[in-house]
Structures are given as C-alpha cells and as structure tokens.
C-alpha cells in the first residue's frame, strides 16, 4: 500500500483550499513496528472505552502512532490496524 510504504512530506501550497499538499518523497519506510499488518479502514469510528484506554496506554499503539506520522492519511489505517491485529488483544 503506497500510503504506508513511503515517507510523505507536507509542503506549502497557497493556491489550494487547504494551504498545503502532500508529496511522496520516494523514500521507503521501515516496516511497521511489532510485526503489525497494516489494514485500511475508516478515519471515523465509535470505540469502546477499553479500546480508547488501550490506544492511549499501550506501547505498541504508541509505536504505531509514531511510525504513522509520515504516512499518507494515517487516520485511515491507524484504528483499523490496531483493531484487526488480534494478537494485540
């Protein structure tokens, strides 16, 4: 999945409505932490309190968030990846 295989960079662009755009740098990312498989999903969700506590306190979840910072649209894979890697409990 190109969105997570490469480093993306935020660049200024004043002639679009967002004021920035994302550029694929062509730099290959390291594999995801902790042997996680990346799953794409929705950026939105309704989560249980237990899942939110897991996301906020679990070291694997924190490492995935840090790894995701320079991917394209990390909100579309972060939640799904944590949910579907069942070995995380």
Protein backbone atom coordinates (compact mmCIF):
# COMPACT_ATOMS: atom_id res chain seq x y z
CA UNK A 1 0.00 0.00 0.00
CA UNK A 2 1.76 3.15 -1.21
CA UNK A 3 0.22 5.25 1.57
CA UNK A 4 2.23 3.40 4.19
CA UNK A 5 5.19 2.14 2.16
CA UNK A 6 6.75 5.58 1.62
CA UNK A 7 7.54 8.72 3.61
CA UNK A 8 5.20 11.63 2.78
CA UNK A 9 6.08 15.29 3.24
CA UNK A 10 3.78 18.27 3.87
CA UNK A 11 4.53 21.16 1.52
CA UNK A 12 3.06 24.66 1.45
CA UNK A 13 0.73 25.45 -1.42
CA UNK A 14 -1.23 28.66 -1.25
CA UNK A 15 -3.33 28.11 -4.36
CA UNK A 16 -5.42 25.30 -2.96
CA UNK A 17 -8.10 25.50 -0.30
CA UNK A 18 -6.06 23.64 2.32
CA UNK A 19 -2.87 25.69 2.05
CA UNK A 20 -0.70 22.57 1.78
CA UNK A 21 -0.30 19.36 -0.14
CA UNK A 22 1.34 16.01 0.50
CA UNK A 23 4.22 14.74 -1.63
CA UNK A 24 5.53 11.21 -1.80
CA UNK A 25 9.28 11.57 -1.20
CA UNK A 26 10.11 8.21 -2.77
CA UNK A 27 11.86 7.23 0.47
CA UNK A 28 10.86 3.73 1.53
CA UNK A 29 9.65 3.44 5.13
CA UNK A 30 10.83 0.83 7.58
CA UNK A 31 8.31 -1.98 8.20
CA UNK A 32 5.60 -1.28 10.78
CA UNK A 33 6.61 -1.86 14.40
CA UNK A 34 5.96 -5.10 16.26
CA UNK A 35 5.22 -7.14 13.10
CA UNK A 36 1.88 -5.39 12.67
CA UNK A 37 -0.07 -5.94 9.46
CA UNK A 38 -1.45 -2.65 8.14
CA UNK A 39 -5.19 -2.56 7.47
CA UNK A 40 -7.00 0.30 5.76
CA UNK A 41 -10.29 1.44 7.22
CA UNK A 42 -12.36 4.47 8.03
CA UNK A 43 -10.94 7.57 9.64
CA UNK A 44 -14.04 7.63 11.83
CA UNK A 45 -15.36 5.20 14.38
CA UNK A 46 -17.22 4.60 17.59
CA UNK A 47 -14.87 2.96 20.08
CA UNK A 48 -15.36 1.24 23.40
CA UNK A 49 -13.80 2.78 26.48
CA UNK A 50 -11.49 -0.24 26.74
CA UNK A 51 -10.21 0.30 23.18
CA UNK A 52 -9.59 4.01 23.83
CA UNK A 53 -7.69 3.17 27.02
CA UNK A 54 -5.65 0.62 25.05
CA UNK A 55 -4.81 3.21 22.36
CA UNK A 56 -3.73 5.77 24.96
CA UNK A 57 -1.65 3.46 27.16
CA UNK A 58 -0.36 0.52 25.11
CA UNK A 59 3.27 0.80 23.96
CA UNK A 60 2.56 -0.97 20.65
CA UNK A 61 -0.22 1.53 19.89
CA UNK A 62 2.15 4.40 20.70
CA UNK A 63 4.88 2.97 18.46
CA UNK A 64 2.39 2.55 15.61
CA UNK A 65 1.25 6.16 16.01
CA UNK A 66 4.84 7.40 15.87
CA UNK A 67 5.58 5.21 12.82
CA UNK A 68 2.42 6.52 11.11
CA UNK A 69 3.29 10.22 11.40
CA UNK A 70 4.82 10.49 7.93
CA UNK A 71 2.40 8.19 6.12
CA UNK A 72 -0.41 9.38 3.88
CA UNK A 73 -3.66 9.74 5.83
CA UNK A 74 -2.67 7.75 8.95
CA UNK A 75 -6.16 8.13 10.38
CA UNK A 76 -7.38 5.71 7.69
CA UNK A 77 -5.12 2.88 8.82
CA UNK A 78 -4.30 3.54 12.50
CA UNK A 79 -7.63 2.46 14.03
CA UNK A 80 -8.16 -0.48 11.68
CA UNK A 81 -4.62 -1.78 12.18
CA UNK A 82 -4.97 -1.80 15.96
CA UNK A 83 -8.39 -3.43 15.73
CA UNK A 84 -7.56 -6.19 13.22
CA UNK A 85 -4.21 -7.31 14.62
CA UNK A 86 -5.93 -9.68 17.02
CA UNK A 87 -2.68 -10.78 18.70
CA UNK A 88 -2.73 -7.39 20.48
CA UNK A 89 -5.89 -8.43 22.36
